[in-house]
N, C-alpha and C. Protein backbone atom coordinates (compact mmCIF):
# COMPACT_ATOMS: atom_id res chain seq x y z
N MET A 1 -23.72 -36.61 24.20
CA MET A 1 -24.66 -37.23 25.31
C MET A 1 -23.98 -37.73 26.46
N ARG A 2 -24.40 -37.27 27.71
CA ARG A 2 -23.77 -37.77 28.86
C ARG A 2 -24.66 -38.85 29.66
N THR A 3 -24.04 -39.84 30.02
CA THR A 3 -24.73 -40.91 30.88
C THR A 3 -23.85 -41.34 31.94
N VAL A 4 -24.73 -41.43 33.06
CA VAL A 4 -23.99 -42.22 34.26
C VAL A 4 -23.93 -43.52 34.17
N GLU A 5 -25.02 -44.29 33.56
CA GLU A 5 -25.12 -45.88 33.47
C GLU A 5 -24.52 -46.02 32.23
N PRO A 6 -24.12 -47.32 32.06
CA PRO A 6 -23.45 -47.76 30.87
C PRO A 6 -24.84 -47.74 29.62
N THR A 7 -24.15 -47.28 28.59
CA THR A 7 -25.30 -46.99 27.43
C THR A 7 -24.67 -47.75 26.10
N SER A 8 -25.55 -48.43 25.46
CA SER A 8 -25.08 -48.88 24.12
C SER A 8 -25.73 -47.92 23.11
N ILE A 9 -25.05 -47.65 21.99
CA ILE A 9 -25.47 -46.84 21.11
C ILE A 9 -25.10 -47.41 19.70
N GLY A 10 -26.15 -47.80 18.94
CA GLY A 10 -25.76 -48.58 17.57
C GLY A 10 -26.73 -48.22 16.54
N PHE A 11 -26.52 -48.42 15.52
CA PHE A 11 -27.14 -48.38 14.26
C PHE A 11 -27.66 -49.73 13.76
N MET A 12 -28.83 -49.74 13.06
CA MET A 12 -29.43 -51.19 12.54
C MET A 12 -29.84 -50.87 11.33
N TYR A 13 -29.64 -51.49 10.27
CA TYR A 13 -30.04 -51.53 8.84
C TYR A 13 -31.11 -52.61 8.79
N ILE A 14 -32.30 -52.43 8.31
CA ILE A 14 -33.13 -53.48 8.13
C ILE A 14 -33.38 -53.38 6.54
N GLU A 15 -32.99 -54.29 5.80
CA GLU A 15 -33.28 -54.22 4.59
C GLU A 15 -34.81 -54.37 4.17
N GLN A 16 -35.01 -54.11 2.77
CA GLN A 16 -36.12 -54.36 2.15
C GLN A 16 -36.99 -55.68 2.62
N GLY A 17 -37.96 -55.56 3.00
CA GLY A 17 -38.80 -56.69 3.48
C GLY A 17 -38.19 -57.39 4.69
N GLY A 18 -37.41 -56.74 5.35
CA GLY A 18 -36.56 -57.37 6.41
C GLY A 18 -37.46 -57.19 7.80
N ILE A 19 -37.38 -58.15 8.87
CA ILE A 19 -37.97 -58.16 9.97
C ILE A 19 -37.07 -58.49 11.15
N VAL A 20 -36.92 -57.58 12.30
CA VAL A 20 -36.38 -58.22 13.34
C VAL A 20 -37.54 -58.68 14.16
N GLY A 21 -37.49 -60.03 14.38
CA GLY A 21 -38.47 -60.65 15.05
C GLY A 21 -38.78 -60.31 16.68
N MET A 22 -39.98 -60.86 17.01
CA MET A 22 -40.59 -60.28 18.47
C MET A 22 -39.61 -60.83 19.47
N HIS A 23 -39.20 -59.76 20.28
CA HIS A 23 -38.39 -59.94 21.48
C HIS A 23 -38.43 -59.07 22.41
N GLU A 24 -38.16 -59.13 23.64
CA GLU A 24 -38.30 -58.17 24.88
C GLU A 24 -37.11 -57.44 24.93
N ALA A 25 -37.31 -56.07 25.31
CA ALA A 25 -36.25 -55.01 25.71
C ALA A 25 -35.76 -55.55 26.99
N SER A 26 -34.38 -55.76 26.95
CA SER A 26 -33.66 -56.12 28.10
C SER A 26 -33.51 -54.94 29.04
N VAL A 27 -33.24 -53.66 28.42
CA VAL A 27 -33.22 -52.42 29.26
C VAL A 27 -34.12 -51.49 28.28
N PRO A 28 -34.22 -50.24 29.06
CA PRO A 28 -35.02 -49.12 28.05
C PRO A 28 -34.44 -49.04 26.94
N GLN A 29 -35.31 -48.71 25.79
CA GLN A 29 -34.56 -48.83 24.61
C GLN A 29 -34.97 -47.72 23.63
N LEU A 30 -34.59 -46.72 23.18
CA LEU A 30 -35.02 -45.69 22.13
C LEU A 30 -34.66 -46.03 20.77
N PHE A 31 -35.49 -46.25 19.92
CA PHE A 31 -35.50 -46.76 18.41
C PHE A 31 -36.07 -45.60 17.63
N ILE A 32 -34.94 -44.92 16.90
CA ILE A 32 -35.33 -43.44 16.05
C ILE A 32 -34.92 -43.90 14.58
N VAL A 33 -35.90 -44.01 13.87
CA VAL A 33 -35.46 -44.03 12.22
C VAL A 33 -34.75 -42.73 11.76
N ILE A 34 -33.60 -43.10 11.19
CA ILE A 34 -32.79 -41.86 10.63
C ILE A 34 -32.92 -41.83 8.99
N GLN A 35 -33.22 -43.05 8.42
CA GLN A 35 -33.35 -42.98 7.01
C GLN A 35 -34.32 -44.24 6.65
N GLY A 36 -35.05 -43.89 5.71
CA GLY A 36 -36.20 -44.67 5.25
C GLY A 36 -37.41 -44.43 5.89
N GLU A 37 -38.09 -45.70 5.79
CA GLU A 37 -39.26 -45.94 6.74
C GLU A 37 -39.70 -47.49 6.87
N GLY A 38 -40.46 -47.69 7.76
CA GLY A 38 -40.84 -49.17 8.41
C GLY A 38 -41.80 -49.17 9.32
N TRP A 39 -41.98 -50.15 10.06
CA TRP A 39 -42.95 -50.17 11.15
C TRP A 39 -42.45 -50.92 12.51
N ILE A 40 -43.08 -50.62 13.40
CA ILE A 40 -42.88 -51.54 14.88
C ILE A 40 -44.32 -51.85 15.35
N CYS A 41 -44.09 -53.03 16.20
CA CYS A 41 -45.34 -53.45 16.64
C CYS A 41 -44.99 -53.87 18.01
N GLY A 42 -45.96 -53.75 19.13
CA GLY A 42 -45.69 -54.50 20.47
C GLY A 42 -46.22 -55.99 20.26
N ALA A 43 -46.59 -56.35 21.63
CA ALA A 43 -47.04 -57.84 21.70
C ALA A 43 -48.60 -57.79 21.15
N ASP A 44 -49.36 -56.70 21.03
CA ASP A 44 -50.63 -56.77 20.30
C ASP A 44 -50.48 -56.99 18.55
N LYS A 45 -49.23 -56.80 18.21
CA LYS A 45 -49.16 -57.13 16.95
C LYS A 45 -49.72 -56.03 15.96
N GLU A 46 -50.25 -54.82 16.43
CA GLU A 46 -50.75 -53.64 15.86
C GLU A 46 -49.51 -52.83 15.29
N LYS A 47 -49.26 -52.75 13.85
CA LYS A 47 -48.36 -52.12 13.30
C LYS A 47 -48.37 -50.63 13.29
N ILE A 48 -47.36 -49.84 13.69
CA ILE A 48 -47.36 -48.41 13.68
C ILE A 48 -46.33 -48.10 12.80
N PHE A 49 -46.52 -47.18 11.75
CA PHE A 49 -45.61 -46.81 10.69
C PHE A 49 -44.72 -45.66 11.25
N LEU A 50 -43.45 -45.69 10.99
CA LEU A 50 -42.48 -44.71 11.35
C LEU A 50 -41.60 -44.38 10.05
N LYS A 51 -41.46 -42.94 9.95
CA LYS A 51 -40.48 -42.39 8.81
C LYS A 51 -39.28 -41.78 9.64
N ALA A 52 -38.26 -41.33 8.73
CA ALA A 52 -37.32 -40.78 9.36
C ALA A 52 -37.49 -39.59 10.09
N GLY A 53 -36.86 -39.55 11.27
CA GLY A 53 -37.30 -38.48 12.30
C GLY A 53 -38.05 -39.10 13.37
N GLU A 54 -38.79 -40.11 13.23
CA GLU A 54 -39.60 -40.75 14.18
C GLU A 54 -39.09 -41.80 14.90
N GLY A 55 -39.56 -42.16 16.20
CA GLY A 55 -39.10 -43.24 16.87
C GLY A 55 -40.12 -43.65 18.03
N VAL A 56 -39.70 -44.57 18.82
CA VAL A 56 -40.32 -45.32 19.75
C VAL A 56 -39.61 -45.55 20.88
N PHE A 57 -40.00 -45.65 22.26
CA PHE A 57 -39.60 -45.95 23.44
C PHE A 57 -39.93 -47.06 23.90
N TRP A 58 -39.11 -48.37 24.21
CA TRP A 58 -39.52 -49.42 24.81
C TRP A 58 -39.12 -49.38 26.20
N GLN A 59 -39.93 -49.88 27.30
CA GLN A 59 -39.58 -50.05 28.47
C GLN A 59 -39.09 -51.50 28.74
N THR A 60 -38.23 -51.83 29.72
CA THR A 60 -37.47 -53.00 30.04
C THR A 60 -38.71 -54.11 29.90
N GLY A 61 -38.58 -55.20 29.33
CA GLY A 61 -39.59 -56.16 29.37
C GLY A 61 -40.65 -56.15 28.13
N GLN A 62 -40.80 -55.00 27.58
CA GLN A 62 -41.83 -54.92 26.61
C GLN A 62 -41.40 -55.53 25.38
N ALA A 63 -42.34 -56.62 24.96
CA ALA A 63 -41.99 -57.34 23.59
C ALA A 63 -42.22 -56.24 22.51
N HIS A 64 -41.59 -56.51 21.45
CA HIS A 64 -41.48 -55.68 20.30
C HIS A 64 -41.08 -56.20 18.94
N GLU A 65 -41.28 -55.77 17.93
CA GLU A 65 -40.82 -56.22 16.52
C GLU A 65 -40.63 -55.07 15.57
N SER A 66 -39.89 -55.11 14.73
CA SER A 66 -39.59 -53.90 13.85
C SER A 66 -39.58 -54.71 12.35
N GLY A 67 -39.58 -53.66 11.38
CA GLY A 67 -39.55 -54.26 10.00
C GLY A 67 -39.81 -53.00 8.82
N SER A 68 -39.36 -53.43 7.86
CA SER A 68 -39.69 -52.51 6.81
C SER A 68 -39.98 -53.15 5.42
N ASP A 69 -40.86 -52.43 4.49
CA ASP A 69 -41.18 -53.01 3.18
C ASP A 69 -40.25 -52.38 2.41
N THR A 70 -39.60 -51.12 2.55
CA THR A 70 -38.56 -50.55 1.63
C THR A 70 -37.13 -50.58 2.13
N GLY A 71 -36.77 -50.54 3.48
CA GLY A 71 -35.61 -50.51 4.20
C GLY A 71 -35.40 -49.40 4.88
N LEU A 72 -34.78 -49.44 5.99
CA LEU A 72 -34.68 -48.43 6.99
C LEU A 72 -33.17 -48.37 7.55
N THR A 73 -32.71 -47.27 8.20
CA THR A 73 -31.81 -47.34 8.98
C THR A 73 -32.27 -46.69 10.42
N ALA A 74 -31.95 -47.21 11.53
CA ALA A 74 -32.36 -46.73 12.74
C ALA A 74 -31.23 -46.44 13.69
N LEU A 75 -31.21 -45.43 14.71
CA LEU A 75 -30.39 -45.20 15.73
C LEU A 75 -30.95 -45.88 17.00
N ILE A 76 -30.31 -46.75 17.67
CA ILE A 76 -30.77 -47.34 18.90
C ILE A 76 -29.98 -47.11 20.02
N LEU A 77 -30.58 -46.69 21.14
CA LEU A 77 -29.84 -46.30 22.30
C LEU A 77 -30.55 -47.21 23.30
N GLU A 78 -29.73 -47.99 24.25
CA GLU A 78 -30.14 -48.78 25.16
C GLU A 78 -29.42 -48.42 26.51
N SER A 79 -30.12 -48.24 27.59
CA SER A 79 -29.65 -47.90 28.87
C SER A 79 -30.47 -48.10 29.96
N THR A 80 -29.97 -48.40 31.36
CA THR A 80 -31.01 -48.54 32.32
C THR A 80 -31.49 -47.37 32.79
N GLN A 81 -30.81 -46.15 32.09
CA GLN A 81 -31.39 -44.83 32.59
C GLN A 81 -31.26 -43.93 31.32
N ILE A 82 -32.69 -43.90 30.48
CA ILE A 82 -32.76 -43.03 29.48
C ILE A 82 -33.83 -41.92 30.04
N ASN A 83 -33.42 -40.67 30.14
CA ASN A 83 -34.39 -39.63 30.18
C ASN A 83 -34.76 -38.84 29.35
N LEU A 84 -36.23 -38.91 28.90
CA LEU A 84 -36.58 -38.37 27.73
C LEU A 84 -37.08 -36.88 28.03
N ALA A 85 -37.24 -36.39 29.29
CA ALA A 85 -37.58 -35.21 29.52
C ALA A 85 -36.94 -34.16 28.94
């Protein structure tokens, strides 16, 4: 991956029954489930279920939350410039 702007690349493990509480994206963020399954929701609190290979893109300032009933590992990319095209 090539980036012009500073980019944060990390992995997150959400344990069984775990939740990452509601917070706003400080920069554009790509959240991709690489193992397991779980859910995400925005400010409307409507849960969308994701499994391995699926993800979501959050824009700067979008409030969101994520969690899992069974556990998941996600790849998270954060950068002021993420081009999904």
